[in-house]
Amino acid sequence: MKLVVAIIRPDKLTSVLEALFRAEVRGLTISRVQGHGGEMERVETYRGTTVKMDLSEKVRVEIGVSDHFVTPTVEAILASARTGAVGDGKIFVLPVEKVYRIRTAEEDQQAVTPVEAVASHA
């Protein structure tokens, strides 16, 4: 199991969500965040102190997936979030030690499997 964390441009969120849906990737968390990476930094002096100005608005998408969904998830995000300009974002793939579904106490693979997929196999 992995946690895929993508930091993307806010205007690419709809495209990313559509691409993830087409890749049959379900279950995600979205947060509005601020930060900076390779974008040009604006540095100003304010009352004799150098201050870095303007963090960029970004969207953080977190998706817990089983191992075989990592590649489709990453490929969907790469294809739909890319503009080719500095500031497109990053994707991090992190190992997940344990997952629990609170409602049913299911663990690991069963906990990250969408509910409709579990119901269709019953």
C-alpha atoms as a PDB file:
ATOM      1  CA  MET A   1       0.000   0.000   0.000  1.00  0.00           C
ATOM      2  CA  LYS A   2       1.132   3.500  -0.794  1.00  0.00           C
ATOM      3  CA  LEU A   3       0.088   7.061  -0.152  1.00  0.00           C
ATOM      4  CA  VAL A   4       0.306   9.151  -3.304  1.00  0.00           C
ATOM      5  CA  VAL A   5       0.596  12.855  -2.475  1.00  0.00           C
ATOM      6  CA  ALA A   6       0.400  15.324  -5.339  1.00  0.00           C
ATOM      7  CA  ILE A   7       0.913  19.072  -5.053  1.00  0.00           C
ATOM      8  CA  ILE A   8      -0.662  20.638  -8.142  1.00  0.00           C
ATOM      9  CA  ARG A   9      -1.864  23.937  -9.569  1.00  0.00           C
ATOM     10  CA  PRO A  10      -5.427  24.793  -8.455  1.00  0.00           C
ATOM     11  CA  ASP A  11      -6.553  25.302 -12.060  1.00  0.00           C
ATOM     12  CA  LYS A  12      -5.547  21.712 -12.915  1.00  0.00           C
ATOM     13  CA  LEU A  13      -7.656  20.113 -10.168  1.00  0.00           C
ATOM     14  CA  THR A  14     -10.671  19.370 -12.383  1.00  0.00           C
ATOM     15  CA  SER A  15      -8.457  17.774 -15.044  1.00  0.00           C
ATOM     16  CA  VAL A  16      -6.698  15.660 -12.416  1.00  0.00           C
ATOM     17  CA  LEU A  17      -9.984  14.508 -10.869  1.00  0.00           C
ATOM     18  CA  GLU A  18     -11.333  13.539 -14.295  1.00  0.00           C
ATOM     19  CA  ALA A  19      -8.146  11.612 -15.131  1.00  0.00           C
ATOM     20  CA  LEU A  20      -8.238   9.768 -11.797  1.00  0.00           C
ATOM     21  CA  PHE A  21     -11.887   8.854 -12.361  1.00  0.00           C
ATOM     22  CA  ARG A  22     -11.050   7.484 -15.828  1.00  0.00           C
ATOM     23  CA  ALA A  23      -8.190   5.471 -14.265  1.00  0.00           C
ATOM     24  CA  GLU A  24     -10.713   4.055 -11.758  1.00  0.00           C
ATOM     25  CA  VAL A  25      -8.842   5.575  -8.837  1.00  0.00           C
ATOM     26  CA  ARG A  26     -11.306   6.350  -6.042  1.00  0.00           C
ATOM     27  CA  GLY A  27     -11.060   7.774  -2.561  1.00  0.00           C
ATOM     28  CA  LEU A  28      -8.994  10.887  -2.095  1.00  0.00           C
ATOM     29  CA  THR A  29      -8.524  13.930   0.101  1.00  0.00           C
ATOM     30  CA  ILE A  30      -8.020  17.439  -1.236  1.00  0.00           C
ATOM     31  CA  SER A  31      -6.583  20.378   0.699  1.00  0.00           C
ATOM     32  CA  ARG A  32      -5.790  23.938  -0.297  1.00  0.00           C
ATOM     33  CA  VAL A  33      -2.183  24.675   0.614  1.00  0.00           C
ATOM     34  CA  GLN A  34       0.461  27.334   0.068  1.00  0.00           C
ATOM     35  CA  GLY A  35       4.099  26.895  -0.749  1.00  0.00           C
ATOM     36  CA  HIS A  36       6.860  27.449  -3.210  1.00  0.00           C
ATOM     37  CA  GLY A  37       9.299  25.333  -5.105  1.00  0.00           C
ATOM     38  CA  GLY A  38      11.048  26.228  -8.330  1.00  0.00           C
ATOM     39  CA  GLU A  39       8.975  29.321  -9.019  1.00  0.00           C
ATOM     40  CA  MET A  40      10.783  32.627  -9.080  1.00  0.00           C
ATOM     41  CA  GLU A  41      10.930  33.970  -5.582  1.00  0.00           C
ATOM     42  CA  ARG A  42      10.110  37.571  -4.862  1.00  0.00           C
ATOM     43  CA  VAL A  43      12.310  38.988  -2.125  1.00  0.00           C
ATOM     44  CA  GLU A  44      11.698  42.439  -0.678  1.00  0.00           C
ATOM     45  CA  THR A  45      13.120  44.527   2.099  1.00  0.00           C
ATOM     46  CA  TYR A  46      10.569  45.604   4.677  1.00  0.00           C
ATOM     47  CA  ARG A  47      11.744  47.874   7.490  1.00  0.00           C
ATOM     48  CA  GLY A  48      15.317  46.742   7.004  1.00  0.00           C
ATOM     49  CA  THR A  49      14.449  43.022   6.990  1.00  0.00           C
ATOM     50  CA  THR A  50      14.613  40.830   3.908  1.00  0.00           C
ATOM     51  CA  VAL A  51      11.298  39.038   3.466  1.00  0.00           C
ATOM     52  CA  LYS A  52      10.332  36.357   0.961  1.00  0.00           C
ATOM     53  CA  MET A  53       6.937  37.304  -0.448  1.00  0.00           C
ATOM     54  CA  ASP A  54       3.999  35.462  -1.955  1.00  0.00           C
ATOM     55  CA  LEU A  55       3.661  31.778  -1.427  1.00  0.00           C
ATOM     56  CA  SER A  56       1.861  30.132  -4.331  1.00  0.00           C
ATOM     57  CA  GLU A  57      -1.613  28.702  -3.927  1.00  0.00           C
ATOM     58  CA  LYS A  58      -1.555  24.960  -4.568  1.00  0.00           C
ATOM     59  CA  VAL A  59      -3.816  21.954  -4.081  1.00  0.00           C
ATOM     60  CA  ARG A  60      -2.652  18.871  -2.187  1.00  0.00           C
ATOM     61  CA  VAL A  61      -4.266  15.624  -3.313  1.00  0.00           C
ATOM     62  CA  GLU A  62      -3.745  12.558  -1.115  1.00  0.00           C
ATOM     63  CA  ILE A  63      -4.733   9.103  -2.327  1.00  0.00           C
ATOM     64  CA  GLY A  64      -4.255   5.827  -0.473  1.00  0.00           C
ATOM     65  CA  VAL A  65      -3.866   3.035  -3.019  1.00  0.00           C
ATOM     66  CA  SER A  66      -2.925  -0.615  -3.181  1.00  0.00           C
ATOM     67  CA  ASP A  67       0.398  -1.284  -4.899  1.00  0.00           C
ATOM     68  CA  HIS A  68      -1.046  -2.119  -8.327  1.00  0.00           C
ATOM     69  CA  PHE A  69      -2.830   1.276  -8.452  1.00  0.00           C
ATOM     70  CA  VAL A  70       0.342   3.336  -7.909  1.00  0.00           C
ATOM     71  CA  THR A  71       1.383   3.483 -11.571  1.00  0.00           C
ATOM     72  CA  PRO A  72      -2.098   4.305 -12.980  1.00  0.00           C
ATOM     73  CA  THR A  73      -2.532   6.963 -10.286  1.00  0.00           C
ATOM     74  CA  VAL A  74       0.812   8.626 -10.956  1.00  0.00           C
ATOM     75  CA  GLU A  75       0.375   8.442 -14.735  1.00  0.00           C
ATOM     76  CA  ALA A  76      -3.094  10.015 -14.520  1.00  0.00           C
ATOM     77  CA  ILE A  77      -1.790  12.896 -12.424  1.00  0.00           C
ATOM     78  CA  LEU A  78       1.291  13.446 -14.600  1.00  0.00           C
ATOM     79  CA  ALA A  79      -0.757  13.547 -17.803  1.00  0.00           C
ATOM     80  CA  SER A  80      -3.482  15.826 -16.466  1.00  0.00           C
ATOM     81  CA  ALA A  81      -1.550  18.251 -14.227  1.00  0.00           C
ATOM     82  CA  ARG A  82       1.339  19.121 -16.548  1.00  0.00           C
ATOM     83  CA  THR A  83       1.509  22.531 -18.211  1.00  0.00           C
ATOM     84  CA  GLY A  84       5.239  22.392 -18.910  1.00  0.00           C
ATOM     85  CA  ALA A  85       5.925  25.513 -16.850  1.00  0.00           C
ATOM     86  CA  VAL A  86       7.768  25.877 -13.574  1.00  0.00           C
ATOM     87  CA  GLY A  87       5.341  25.375 -10.698  1.00  0.00           C
ATOM     88  CA  ASP A  88       3.432  22.368 -12.056  1.00  0.00           C
ATOM     89  CA  GLY A  89       4.045  20.587  -8.750  1.00  0.00           C
ATOM     90  CA  LYS A  90       5.328  17.303  -7.394  1.00  0.00           C
ATOM     91  CA  ILE A  91       4.122  13.765  -6.749  1.00  0.00           C
ATOM     92  CA  PHE A  92       5.353  11.831  -3.732  1.00  0.00           C
ATOM     93  CA  VAL A  93       4.785   8.097  -3.297  1.00  0.00           C
ATOM     94  CA  LEU A  94       5.109   7.059   0.336  1.00  0.00           C
ATOM     95  CA  PRO A  95       4.923   3.616   1.932  1.00  0.00           C
ATOM     96  CA  VAL A  96       1.925   2.967   4.176  1.00  0.00           C
ATOM     97  CA  GLU A  97       2.420   0.677   7.120  1.00  0.00           C
ATOM     98  CA  LYS A  98      -1.214   0.080   8.055  1.00  0.00           C
ATOM     99  CA  VAL A  99      -4.691   1.235   6.990  1.00  0.00           C
ATOM    100  CA  TYR A 100      -8.005   0.830   8.810  1.00  0.00           C
ATOM    101  CA  ARG A 101     -11.485   1.613   7.543  1.00  0.00           C
ATOM    102  CA  ILE A 102     -13.173   3.117  10.592  1.00  0.00           C
ATOM    103  CA  ARG A 103     -16.736   2.076   9.679  1.00  0.00           C
ATOM    104  CA  THR A 104     -16.006  -1.653   9.341  1.00  0.00           C
ATOM    105  CA  ALA A 105     -12.588  -2.061  11.002  1.00  0.00           C
ATOM    106  CA  GLU A 106     -11.325  -3.612   7.740  1.00  0.00           C
ATOM    107  CA  GLU A 107      -7.572  -3.476   7.404  1.00  0.00           C
ATOM    108  CA  ASP A 108      -5.011  -2.887   4.696  1.00  0.00           C
ATOM    109  CA  GLN A 109      -6.078  -4.005   1.162  1.00  0.00           C
ATOM    110  CA  GLN A 110      -9.759  -4.273   2.125  1.00  0.00           C
ATOM    111  CA  ALA A 111      -9.640  -0.826   3.738  1.00  0.00           C
ATOM    112  CA  VAL A 112      -8.423   0.913   0.561  1.00  0.00           C
ATOM    113  CA  THR A 113     -10.733  -1.000  -1.794  1.00  0.00           C
ATOM    114  CA  PRO A 114     -13.729   1.159  -2.801  1.00  0.00           C
ATOM    115  CA  VAL A 115     -16.990   0.116  -1.158  1.00  0.00           C
ATOM    116  CA  GLU A 116     -18.741  -0.506  -4.518  1.00  0.00           C
ATOM    117  CA  ALA A 117     -15.928  -2.881  -5.557  1.00  0.00           C
ATOM    118  CA  VAL A 118     -16.338  -4.868  -2.345  1.00  0.00           C
ATOM    119  CA  ALA A 119     -20.138  -5.027  -2.805  1.00  0.00           C
ATOM    120  CA  SER A 120     -19.847  -6.251  -6.410  1.00  0.00           C
ATOM    121  CA  HIS A 121     -17.649  -9.184  -5.333  1.00  0.00           C
ATOM    122  CA  ALA A 122     -20.040 -10.305  -2.586  1.00  0.00           C
END
